[in-house]
Structures are given as C-alpha cells and as structure tokens.
C-alpha cells in the first residue's frame, strides 16, 4: 500500500510535470524555428530569369507542360530590371518596332508561339479581352513570339487575324532568338527556353511564362499577371485604366512608324475563337 502511494506522489510531482512541459515546449520551438528557416529560404529573391513557383498543365494526350511564373500583380522583385531594355523587333506588317515606339502610353505584353499546344491560345484570348475593353484608348498590346525561328511575320499575321487583333493597337513581334530570349529573361524577368532531346514534343517545344506584363508610359515594369487567372487579368485592366486616366488627352492610339492612318475595315469579332484543341498554327 505504501509503495502505491509513493508512485502516485511521484507521478503528480510538480517538478516532474514542469520538466515534461519544458521538453514539449522545446520540441515546439524547434519545429517553429525550422518552419521559419524554410520559409525565409523559399521567400528569398530569385535571380534574373527565374521565378517563384511552377505550374504543370496537361492537354489530352500531350505531355505535362511545366512553366515558371512570377508573383501575381507585383512590382519586379530584386534583381529584375525596372525599365524595359532597348530592343528592335519586326512587327507582323514587316516594319521595325523599338521600345521607344511604345513610350508615351502604357502597354501589356505577353509571350506565346503559334505552334503552341498548351496555354498560348488562353493567353492570347486574354489579350483580346483587353483589346475589347480598351478600344480607341491609349493602351498598347504587344505579343512577342518565343519561337522566332518558325514564327515569321507572315505566320504571326495569320495568327493575329484569327484573334481579330487590331493592327494599330495590338502588335505581334518576331526577331532574332538571341535578342528575344535575353529580353524576356533579363528585362522582363520571366522564364523561357527551347526544349531539346526527349523533352521536345510537338506543340511543346518552348517552355515559357504565361505572365502578362504591365509596362507604363515611361517604359517601366509595373506588374505581372497570370493569364490563367481571370481575377488577376481584371486587376491588370484596372491598373491600365488608372494609368490612362492620368495621361494627357492627346495620347489616343496613333500608328507607329510605318503604319498608315487608314482604319481597319474588317470588323473585330466579339468572341475569342476557341483554338485550344488545334495544336497546328495556333
């Protein structure tokens, strides 16, 4: 009987209880410290051309398509250029277009290729919605191909026509891959590379970001928005609207160098064509 009472007293000893609680608190603090260290490492700024997460999509029998994305609707992170670098590319009409031609009004730029079997039609469809919203407004839209070896000016013209792109407001640019890729990676801070070997599949030859980048009238990058997210694209439209409200009244869309003043006679379709199922020339 005395032995049992002794064990009960030891079990309820306050000193022993404090020791156990201290051990538990030590474990909890160690776990919390580990979580904080992990988060700090994952939240650290990425080098130019890299990004903060990856997305994988599939389309029927096509292989998984992984592409990098940057934080939604945020200012460029540390290491990325604030101002778009100088460039000269060829528009679908054949004329040369430089970054200086785009100064004076805000613009949104995306990156696609016409043979894309993945998200490119979705990205271009979102740009078409922006065009519909800003008809006649001082907002430029720019699409730059990530497959310039195949996307000639003529091919881009056909692609643009499929989406009812206005020649005066929406530019489609091609050029030298050695110019375009550094521009995307170093200036816009987005991921792009050409697949080789077994990773190169028809319609999936280029891995690239699906972000739409907002560049202001001074040529500075203001934000990046996920074309696969309607809420983010709506936010981009609001930001563009805010900016043009502060512009002088004489900044309506005018032809760039080499364009004519004649209006586009063909009507702009009211709906974006569904090209997701067609991997050739879309």
C-alpha atoms as a PDB file:
ATOM      1  CA  UNK A   1       0.000   0.000   0.000  1.00  0.00           C
ATOM      2  CA  UNK A   2       2.822   2.386   0.883  1.00  0.00           C
ATOM      3  CA  UNK A   3       4.538   1.595  -2.420  1.00  0.00           C
ATOM      4  CA  UNK A   4       1.435   2.538  -4.423  1.00  0.00           C
ATOM      5  CA  UNK A   5       1.080   5.860  -2.591  1.00  0.00           C
ATOM      6  CA  UNK A   6       4.734   6.661  -3.254  1.00  0.00           C
ATOM      7  CA  UNK A   7       4.293   6.080  -7.012  1.00  0.00           C
ATOM      8  CA  UNK A   8       1.188   8.303  -7.053  1.00  0.00           C
ATOM      9  CA  UNK A   9       3.063  11.112  -5.356  1.00  0.00           C
ATOM     10  CA  UNK A  10       5.968  10.821  -7.800  1.00  0.00           C
ATOM     11  CA  UNK A  11       3.553  10.830 -10.748  1.00  0.00           C
ATOM     12  CA  UNK A  12       1.940  14.076  -9.575  1.00  0.00           C
ATOM     13  CA  UNK A  13       5.192  15.722  -8.540  1.00  0.00           C
ATOM     14  CA  UNK A  14       5.105  19.371  -9.827  1.00  0.00           C
ATOM     15  CA  UNK A  15       8.796  19.279 -10.608  1.00  0.00           C
ATOM     16  CA  UNK A  16       8.358  16.314 -12.934  1.00  0.00           C
ATOM     17  CA  UNK A  17       5.385  17.997 -14.627  1.00  0.00           C
ATOM     18  CA  UNK A  18       7.472  21.133 -15.278  1.00  0.00           C
ATOM     19  CA  UNK A  19      10.261  19.042 -16.759  1.00  0.00           C
ATOM     20  CA  UNK A  20       7.827  17.338 -19.153  1.00  0.00           C
ATOM     21  CA  UNK A  21       6.258  20.698 -20.167  1.00  0.00           C
ATOM     22  CA  UNK A  22       9.712  22.156 -20.788  1.00  0.00           C
ATOM     23  CA  UNK A  23      10.582  19.231 -23.049  1.00  0.00           C
ATOM     24  CA  UNK A  24       7.348  19.675 -25.032  1.00  0.00           C
ATOM     25  CA  UNK A  25       7.918  23.438 -25.408  1.00  0.00           C
ATOM     26  CA  UNK A  26      11.478  22.809 -26.590  1.00  0.00           C
ATOM     27  CA  UNK A  27      10.219  20.486 -29.341  1.00  0.00           C
ATOM     28  CA  UNK A  28       7.559  23.016 -30.420  1.00  0.00           C
ATOM     29  CA  UNK A  29      10.107  25.835 -30.588  1.00  0.00           C
ATOM     30  CA  UNK A  30      12.492  23.692 -32.633  1.00  0.00           C
ATOM     31  CA  UNK A  31       9.737  22.879 -35.144  1.00  0.00           C
ATOM     32  CA  UNK A  32       8.708  26.551 -35.372  1.00  0.00           C
ATOM     33  CA  UNK A  33      12.309  27.606 -35.970  1.00  0.00           C
ATOM     34  CA  UNK A  34      12.627  25.051 -38.750  1.00  0.00           C
ATOM     35  CA  UNK A  35       9.474  26.360 -40.437  1.00  0.00           C
ATOM     36  CA  UNK A  36      10.731  29.956 -40.263  1.00  0.00           C
ATOM     37  CA  UNK A  37      14.080  28.993 -41.782  1.00  0.00           C
ATOM     38  CA  UNK A  38      12.343  27.075 -44.592  1.00  0.00           C
ATOM     39  CA  UNK A  39      10.041  29.999 -45.375  1.00  0.00           C
ATOM     40  CA  UNK A  40      12.874  32.518 -45.387  1.00  0.00           C
ATOM     41  CA  UNK A  41      14.813  30.389 -47.870  1.00  0.00           C
ATOM     42  CA  UNK A  42      11.814  29.964 -50.165  1.00  0.00           C
ATOM     43  CA  UNK A  43      10.841  33.638 -49.999  1.00  0.00           C
ATOM     44  CA  UNK A  44      14.328  34.874 -50.920  1.00  0.00           C
ATOM     45  CA  UNK A  45      14.535  36.815 -54.230  1.00  0.00           C
ATOM     46  CA  UNK A  46      15.287  34.640 -57.238  1.00  0.00           C
ATOM     47  CA  UNK A  47      17.997  35.512 -59.798  1.00  0.00           C
ATOM     48  CA  UNK A  48      17.012  37.236 -63.017  1.00  0.00           C
ATOM     49  CA  UNK A  49      15.101  34.924 -65.330  1.00  0.00           C
ATOM     50  CA  UNK A  50      13.983  32.626 -62.537  1.00  0.00           C
ATOM     51  CA  UNK A  51      10.662  32.716 -60.751  1.00  0.00           C
ATOM     52  CA  UNK A  52       8.892  31.722 -57.601  1.00  0.00           C
ATOM     53  CA  UNK A  53       6.729  28.759 -58.489  1.00  0.00           C
ATOM     54  CA  UNK A  54       5.953  26.361 -61.289  1.00  0.00           C
ATOM     55  CA  UNK A  55       2.696  25.219 -62.816  1.00  0.00           C
ATOM     56  CA  UNK A  56       2.065  21.998 -64.694  1.00  0.00           C
ATOM     57  CA  UNK A  57      -0.828  21.556 -67.093  1.00  0.00           C
ATOM     58  CA  UNK A  58      -1.883  18.739 -69.382  1.00  0.00           C
ATOM     59  CA  UNK A  59      -3.912  18.788 -72.578  1.00  0.00           C
ATOM     60  CA  UNK A  60      -5.351  15.474 -73.678  1.00  0.00           C
ATOM     61  CA  UNK A  61      -2.592  13.125 -74.706  1.00  0.00           C
ATOM     62  CA  UNK A  62       0.053  15.841 -74.652  1.00  0.00           C
ATOM     63  CA  UNK A  63       2.825  15.552 -72.049  1.00  0.00           C
ATOM     64  CA  UNK A  64       2.744  17.676 -68.912  1.00  0.00           C
ATOM     65  CA  UNK A  65       3.827  21.239 -69.655  1.00  0.00           C
ATOM     66  CA  UNK A  66       5.761  22.963 -66.887  1.00  0.00           C
ATOM     67  CA  UNK A  67       6.277  26.680 -66.961  1.00  0.00           C
ATOM     68  CA  UNK A  68       7.549  29.163 -64.410  1.00  0.00           C
ATOM     69  CA  UNK A  69       5.522  32.041 -63.055  1.00  0.00           C
ATOM     70  CA  UNK A  70       6.268  35.144 -61.005  1.00  0.00           C
ATOM     71  CA  UNK A  71       4.320  36.606 -58.066  1.00  0.00           C
ATOM     72  CA  UNK A  72       0.885  37.826 -59.242  1.00  0.00           C
ATOM     73  CA  UNK A  73       0.414  41.509 -59.822  1.00  0.00           C
ATOM     74  CA  UNK A  74       3.590  42.578 -58.048  1.00  0.00           C
ATOM     75  CA  UNK A  75       6.383  45.008 -58.695  1.00  0.00           C
ATOM     76  CA  UNK A  76       9.514  43.398 -60.147  1.00  0.00           C
ATOM     77  CA  UNK A  77      11.442  41.679 -57.395  1.00  0.00           C
ATOM     78  CA  UNK A  78      15.077  42.380 -56.551  1.00  0.00           C
ATOM     79  CA  UNK A  79      17.419  41.615 -59.434  1.00  0.00           C
ATOM     80  CA  UNK A  80      14.913  42.316 -62.187  1.00  0.00           C
ATOM     81  CA  UNK A  81      15.123  45.340 -64.442  1.00  0.00           C
ATOM     82  CA  UNK A  82      12.764  48.222 -63.627  1.00  0.00           C
ATOM     83  CA  UNK A  83      12.949  49.609 -67.155  1.00  0.00           C
ATOM     84  CA  UNK A  84      12.484  47.573 -70.321  1.00  0.00           C
ATOM     85  CA  UNK A  85      15.779  47.293 -72.178  1.00  0.00           C
ATOM     86  CA  UNK A  86      16.273  48.706 -75.655  1.00  0.00           C
ATOM     87  CA  UNK A  87      15.120  46.381 -78.425  1.00  0.00           C
ATOM     88  CA  UNK A  88      14.266  46.361 -82.113  1.00  0.00           C
ATOM     89  CA  UNK A  89      11.963  43.639 -83.422  1.00  0.00           C
ATOM     90  CA  UNK A  90       9.899  43.040 -86.544  1.00  0.00           C
ATOM     91  CA  UNK A  91       6.138  43.523 -86.456  1.00  0.00           C
ATOM     92  CA  UNK A  92       3.791  41.241 -88.443  1.00  0.00           C
ATOM     93  CA  UNK A  93       3.411  44.008 -91.014  1.00  0.00           C
ATOM     94  CA  UNK A  94       7.160  43.851 -91.683  1.00  0.00           C
ATOM     95  CA  UNK A  95       8.017  47.207 -90.101  1.00  0.00           C
ATOM     96  CA  UNK A  96      10.583  47.570 -87.325  1.00  0.00           C
ATOM     97  CA  UNK A  97       9.357  48.371 -83.828  1.00  0.00           C
ATOM     98  CA  UNK A  98      11.549  49.515 -80.938  1.00  0.00           C
ATOM     99  CA  UNK A  99      10.876  50.062 -77.249  1.00  0.00           C
ATOM    100  CA  UNK A 100      10.986  53.802 -77.917  1.00  0.00           C
ATOM    101  CA  UNK A 101       7.951  53.466 -80.212  1.00  0.00           C
ATOM    102  CA  UNK A 102       5.971  52.290 -77.181  1.00  0.00           C
ATOM    103  CA  UNK A 103       6.825  55.212 -74.907  1.00  0.00           C
ATOM    104  CA  UNK A 104       4.073  57.652 -74.020  1.00  0.00           C
ATOM    105  CA  UNK A 105       1.311  55.155 -73.292  1.00  0.00           C
ATOM    106  CA  UNK A 106       1.021  52.038 -71.123  1.00  0.00           C
ATOM    107  CA  UNK A 107       1.265  48.605 -72.701  1.00  0.00           C
ATOM    108  CA  UNK A 108       0.708  44.983 -71.820  1.00  0.00           C
ATOM    109  CA  UNK A 109       2.987  42.318 -73.263  1.00  0.00           C
ATOM    110  CA  UNK A 110       2.655  38.530 -73.429  1.00  0.00           C
ATOM    111  CA  UNK A 111       4.809  35.727 -74.820  1.00  0.00           C
ATOM    112  CA  UNK A 112       3.431  32.893 -76.977  1.00  0.00           C
ATOM    113  CA  UNK A 113       4.190  30.846 -80.078  1.00  0.00           C
ATOM    114  CA  UNK A 114       1.850  29.895 -82.896  1.00  0.00           C
ATOM    115  CA  UNK A 115       2.508  26.129 -82.749  1.00  0.00           C
ATOM    116  CA  UNK A 116       1.755  26.000 -79.027  1.00  0.00           C
ATOM    117  CA  UNK A 117      -0.424  23.088 -77.913  1.00  0.00           C
ATOM    118  CA  UNK A 118      -0.659  24.383 -74.356  1.00  0.00           C
ATOM    119  CA  UNK A 119      -1.780  27.661 -72.770  1.00  0.00           C
ATOM    120  CA  UNK A 120      -0.902  30.121 -75.565  1.00  0.00           C
ATOM    121  CA  UNK A 121      -4.448  30.415 -77.003  1.00  0.00           C
ATOM    122  CA  UNK A 122      -5.668  31.182 -73.491  1.00  0.00           C
ATOM    123  CA  UNK A 123      -3.030  33.881 -73.081  1.00  0.00           C
ATOM    124  CA  UNK A 124      -3.872  35.422 -76.462  1.00  0.00           C
ATOM    125  CA  UNK A 125      -7.580  35.229 -75.652  1.00  0.00           C
ATOM    126  CA  UNK A 126      -6.963  37.285 -72.521  1.00  0.00           C
ATOM    127  CA  UNK A 127      -5.147  39.884 -74.609  1.00  0.00           C
ATOM    128  CA  UNK A 128      -8.168  40.007 -76.934  1.00  0.00           C
ATOM    129  CA  UNK A 129     -10.373  40.787 -73.936  1.00  0.00           C
ATOM    130  CA  UNK A 130      -8.032  43.664 -73.064  1.00  0.00           C
ATOM    131  CA  UNK A 131      -8.292  44.932 -76.629  1.00  0.00           C
ATOM    132  CA  UNK A 132     -12.091  44.832 -76.433  1.00  0.00           C
ATOM    133  CA  UNK A 133     -12.034  46.785 -73.175  1.00  0.00           C
ATOM    134  CA  UNK A 134      -9.638  49.480 -74.393  1.00  0.00           C
ATOM    135  CA  UNK A 135     -10.888  50.100 -77.946  1.00  0.00           C
ATOM    136  CA  UNK A 136      -9.669  53.528 -79.017  1.00  0.00           C
ATOM    137  CA  UNK A 137      -7.946  54.090 -75.668  1.00  0.00           C
ATOM    138  CA  UNK A 138      -4.227  54.907 -75.279  1.00  0.00           C
ATOM    139  CA  UNK A 139      -3.231  51.362 -74.363  1.00  0.00           C
ATOM    140  CA  UNK A 140      -0.910  49.235 -76.467  1.00  0.00           C
ATOM    141  CA  UNK A 141      -0.944  45.448 -76.556  1.00  0.00           C
ATOM    142  CA  UNK A 142       2.197  43.558 -77.553  1.00  0.00           C
ATOM    143  CA  UNK A 143       2.701  39.861 -78.264  1.00  0.00           C
ATOM    144  CA  UNK A 144       6.275  38.602 -78.650  1.00  0.00           C
ATOM    145  CA  UNK A 145       6.865  35.142 -80.055  1.00  0.00           C
ATOM    146  CA  UNK A 146       9.116  32.750 -78.137  1.00  0.00           C
ATOM    147  CA  UNK A 147       9.603  30.685 -81.319  1.00  0.00           C
ATOM    148  CA  UNK A 148      11.043  33.232 -83.749  1.00  0.00           C
ATOM    149  CA  UNK A 149      12.712  30.552 -85.874  1.00  0.00           C
ATOM    150  CA  UNK A 150       9.304  29.452 -87.132  1.00  0.00           C
ATOM    151  CA  UNK A 151       7.077  32.418 -86.306  1.00  0.00           C
ATOM    152  CA  UNK A 152       7.725  34.664 -89.273  1.00  0.00           C
ATOM    153  CA  UNK A 153       5.946  37.984 -89.736  1.00  0.00           C
ATOM    154  CA  UNK A 154       3.541  36.297 -92.162  1.00  0.00           C
ATOM    155  CA  UNK A 155       2.760  33.485 -89.734  1.00  0.00           C
ATOM    156  CA  UNK A 156       2.169  35.962 -86.911  1.00  0.00           C
ATOM    157  CA  UNK A 157      -0.133  37.965 -89.182  1.00  0.00           C
ATOM    158  CA  UNK A 158      -2.303  34.889 -89.751  1.00  0.00           C
ATOM    159  CA  UNK A 159      -2.312  34.133 -86.027  1.00  0.00           C
ATOM    160  CA  UNK A 160      -3.264  37.725 -85.208  1.00  0.00           C
ATOM    161  CA  UNK A 161      -6.104  37.666 -87.737  1.00  0.00           C
ATOM    162  CA  UNK A 162      -7.531  34.568 -86.046  1.00  0.00           C
ATOM    163  CA  UNK A 163      -7.955  36.629 -82.880  1.00  0.00           C
ATOM    164  CA  UNK A 164      -9.195  39.795 -84.539  1.00  0.00           C
ATOM    165  CA  UNK A 165      -6.142  41.782 -83.473  1.00  0.00           C
ATOM    166  CA  UNK A 166      -6.266  45.490 -84.349  1.00  0.00           C
ATOM    167  CA  UNK A 167      -3.101  46.391 -86.272  1.00  0.00           C
ATOM    168  CA  UNK A 168      -2.906  49.851 -84.701  1.00  0.00           C
ATOM    169  CA  UNK A 169      -3.364  48.756 -81.090  1.00  0.00           C
ATOM    170  CA  UNK A 170      -2.027  45.201 -80.884  1.00  0.00           C
ATOM    171  CA  UNK A 171       1.467  44.435 -82.159  1.00  0.00           C
ATOM    172  CA  UNK A 172       2.893  40.971 -82.877  1.00  0.00           C
ATOM    173  CA  UNK A 173       6.681  40.909 -82.835  1.00  0.00           C
ATOM    174  CA  UNK A 174       9.339  38.461 -84.001  1.00  0.00           C
ATOM    175  CA  UNK A 175      13.093  38.681 -84.483  1.00  0.00           C
ATOM    176  CA  UNK A 176      16.351  37.027 -83.530  1.00  0.00           C
ATOM    177  CA  UNK A 177      16.048  34.441 -80.750  1.00  0.00           C
ATOM    178  CA  UNK A 178      19.353  35.677 -79.344  1.00  0.00           C
ATOM    179  CA  UNK A 179      17.671  39.059 -78.860  1.00  0.00           C
ATOM    180  CA  UNK A 180      14.244  37.894 -77.691  1.00  0.00           C
ATOM    181  CA  UNK A 181      15.326  35.379 -75.049  1.00  0.00           C
ATOM    182  CA  UNK A 182      17.658  37.745 -73.151  1.00  0.00           C
ATOM    183  CA  UNK A 183      14.964  40.418 -73.378  1.00  0.00           C
ATOM    184  CA  UNK A 184      12.419  38.097 -71.758  1.00  0.00           C
ATOM    185  CA  UNK A 185      14.814  36.725 -69.154  1.00  0.00           C
ATOM    186  CA  UNK A 186      16.875  39.757 -68.208  1.00  0.00           C
ATOM    187  CA  UNK A 187      14.468  42.632 -68.801  1.00  0.00           C
ATOM    188  CA  UNK A 188      11.031  41.165 -68.072  1.00  0.00           C
ATOM    189  CA  UNK A 189      12.426  38.669 -65.548  1.00  0.00           C
ATOM    190  CA  UNK A 190      10.492  35.698 -66.926  1.00  0.00           C
ATOM    191  CA  UNK A 191      11.461  32.145 -67.824  1.00  0.00           C
ATOM    192  CA  UNK A 192      11.878  30.969 -71.405  1.00  0.00           C
ATOM    193  CA  UNK A 193      13.935  28.220 -73.032  1.00  0.00           C
ATOM    194  CA  UNK A 194      13.769  25.887 -76.006  1.00  0.00           C
ATOM    195  CA  UNK A 195      13.398  22.215 -75.199  1.00  0.00           C
ATOM    196  CA  UNK A 196      15.804  19.671 -76.693  1.00  0.00           C
ATOM    197  CA  UNK A 197      16.163  15.909 -76.664  1.00  0.00           C
ATOM    198  CA  UNK A 198      13.335  13.727 -75.323  1.00  0.00           C
ATOM    199  CA  UNK A 199      11.663  16.760 -73.685  1.00  0.00           C
ATOM    200  CA  UNK A 200      10.975  18.292 -77.098  1.00  0.00           C
ATOM    201  CA  UNK A 201       7.485  17.283 -78.181  1.00  0.00           C
ATOM    202  CA  UNK A 202       5.340  18.654 -81.000  1.00  0.00           C
ATOM    203  CA  UNK A 203       3.498  21.704 -79.719  1.00  0.00           C
ATOM    204  CA  UNK A 204       5.607  21.785 -76.545  1.00  0.00           C
ATOM    205  CA  UNK A 205       8.962  22.869 -77.957  1.00  0.00           C
ATOM    206  CA  UNK A 206       9.237  26.035 -75.870  1.00  0.00           C
ATOM    207  CA  UNK A 207       8.931  26.366 -72.103  1.00  0.00           C
ATOM    208  CA  UNK A 208       7.886  29.896 -71.172  1.00  0.00           C
ATOM    209  CA  UNK A 209       5.994  32.042 -68.698  1.00  0.00           C
ATOM    210  CA  UNK A 210       2.304  32.802 -69.199  1.00  0.00           C
ATOM    211  CA  UNK A 211       2.505  36.117 -67.351  1.00  0.00           C
ATOM    212  CA  UNK A 212       1.211  39.300 -68.956  1.00  0.00           C
ATOM    213  CA  UNK A 213       3.495  42.195 -68.039  1.00  0.00           C
ATOM    214  CA  UNK A 214       2.253  45.738 -67.468  1.00  0.00           C
ATOM    215  CA  UNK A 215       4.699  48.381 -68.688  1.00  0.00           C
ATOM    216  CA  UNK A 216       3.889  52.019 -68.014  1.00  0.00           C
ATOM    217  CA  UNK A 217       4.152  55.006 -70.334  1.00  0.00           C
ATOM    218  CA  UNK A 218       7.740  55.615 -69.225  1.00  0.00           C
ATOM    219  CA  UNK A 219       8.815  52.076 -70.089  1.00  0.00           C
ATOM    220  CA  UNK A 220       8.941  50.844 -66.502  1.00  0.00           C
ATOM    221  CA  UNK A 221       7.610  47.430 -65.485  1.00  0.00           C
ATOM    222  CA  UNK A 222       4.688  47.907 -63.119  1.00  0.00           C
ATOM    223  CA  UNK A 223       3.415  44.356 -62.552  1.00  0.00           C
ATOM    224  CA  UNK A 224       2.999  40.786 -63.821  1.00  0.00           C
ATOM    225  CA  UNK A 225      -0.314  38.976 -64.016  1.00  0.00           C
ATOM    226  CA  UNK A 226      -1.259  35.338 -64.568  1.00  0.00           C
ATOM    227  CA  UNK A 227      -3.146  34.967 -67.858  1.00  0.00           C
ATOM    228  CA  UNK A 228      -4.717  31.803 -66.478  1.00  0.00           C
ATOM    229  CA  UNK A 229      -6.353  33.743 -63.638  1.00  0.00           C
ATOM    230  CA  UNK A 230      -9.353  35.902 -64.574  1.00  0.00           C
ATOM    231  CA  UNK A 231      -9.169  37.845 -61.308  1.00  0.00           C
ATOM    232  CA  UNK A 232      -5.562  38.828 -61.930  1.00  0.00           C
ATOM    233  CA  UNK A 233      -6.322  39.880 -65.503  1.00  0.00           C
ATOM    234  CA  UNK A 234      -9.202  42.013 -64.236  1.00  0.00           C
ATOM    235  CA  UNK A 235      -6.745  43.650 -61.844  1.00  0.00           C
ATOM    236  CA  UNK A 236      -4.389  44.333 -64.758  1.00  0.00           C
ATOM    237  CA  UNK A 237      -7.237  46.007 -66.655  1.00  0.00           C
ATOM    238  CA  UNK A 238      -7.983  48.205 -63.643  1.00  0.00           C
ATOM    239  CA  UNK A 239      -4.328  49.218 -63.341  1.00  0.00           C
ATOM    240  CA  UNK A 240      -4.177  50.124 -67.034  1.00  0.00           C
ATOM    241  CA  UNK A 241      -7.364  52.165 -66.663  1.00  0.00           C
ATOM    242  CA  UNK A 242      -5.937  54.055 -63.687  1.00  0.00           C
ATOM    243  CA  UNK A 243      -2.825  54.904 -65.657  1.00  0.00           C
ATOM    244  CA  UNK A 244      -4.550  56.182 -68.787  1.00  0.00           C
ATOM    245  CA  UNK A 245      -6.804  58.408 -66.671  1.00  0.00           C
ATOM    246  CA  UNK A 246      -3.667  60.338 -65.700  1.00  0.00           C
ATOM    247  CA  UNK A 247      -2.363  60.664 -69.259  1.00  0.00           C
ATOM    248  CA  UNK A 248      -2.740  63.810 -71.403  1.00  0.00           C
ATOM    249  CA  UNK A 249      -5.824  63.769 -73.612  1.00  0.00           C
ATOM    250  CA  UNK A 250      -3.834  63.668 -76.880  1.00  0.00           C
ATOM    251  CA  UNK A 251      -2.361  60.193 -76.293  1.00  0.00           C
ATOM    252  CA  UNK A 252      -5.030  58.268 -78.199  1.00  0.00           C
ATOM    253  CA  UNK A 253      -3.787  55.330 -80.236  1.00  0.00           C
ATOM    254  CA  UNK A 254      -1.894  56.507 -83.290  1.00  0.00           C
ATOM    255  CA  UNK A 255       0.039  54.456 -85.870  1.00  0.00           C
ATOM    256  CA  UNK A 256       3.659  53.697 -85.048  1.00  0.00           C
ATOM    257  CA  UNK A 257       6.409  54.270 -87.603  1.00  0.00           C
ATOM    258  CA  UNK A 258       5.437  52.786 -90.962  1.00  0.00           C
ATOM    259  CA  UNK A 259       1.714  52.458 -90.206  1.00  0.00           C
ATOM    260  CA  UNK A 260      -0.938  54.267 -92.239  1.00  0.00           C
ATOM    261  CA  UNK A 261      -3.779  56.363 -90.891  1.00  0.00           C
ATOM    262  CA  UNK A 262      -6.405  54.261 -92.674  1.00  0.00           C
ATOM    263  CA  UNK A 263      -8.724  52.411 -90.282  1.00  0.00           C
ATOM    264  CA  UNK A 264      -9.123  48.653 -90.227  1.00  0.00           C
ATOM    265  CA  UNK A 265     -12.171  47.841 -92.366  1.00  0.00           C
ATOM    266  CA  UNK A 266     -12.716  44.290 -91.152  1.00  0.00           C
ATOM    267  CA  UNK A 267     -14.983  44.139 -88.069  1.00  0.00           C
ATOM    268  CA  UNK A 268     -13.457  42.867 -84.829  1.00  0.00           C
ATOM    269  CA  UNK A 269     -15.098  39.618 -83.658  1.00  0.00           C
ATOM    270  CA  UNK A 270     -16.981  39.878 -80.383  1.00  0.00           C
ATOM    271  CA  UNK A 271     -15.859  36.459 -79.147  1.00  0.00           C
ATOM    272  CA  UNK A 272     -12.420  34.916 -78.818  1.00  0.00           C
ATOM    273  CA  UNK A 273     -12.086  31.848 -81.064  1.00  0.00           C
ATOM    274  CA  UNK A 274     -11.607  28.568 -79.264  1.00  0.00           C
ATOM    275  CA  UNK A 275      -8.321  27.190 -80.600  1.00  0.00           C
ATOM    276  CA  UNK A 276      -7.262  25.049 -77.655  1.00  0.00           C
ATOM    277  CA  UNK A 277      -7.914  21.770 -79.478  1.00  0.00           C
ATOM    278  CA  UNK A 278      -5.910  22.778 -82.576  1.00  0.00           C
ATOM    279  CA  UNK A 279      -2.169  22.474 -81.980  1.00  0.00           C
ATOM    280  CA  UNK A 280      -1.146  23.400 -85.534  1.00  0.00           C
ATOM    281  CA  UNK A 281      -0.717  27.087 -86.212  1.00  0.00           C
ATOM    282  CA  UNK A 282      -2.453  28.203 -83.018  1.00  0.00           C
END
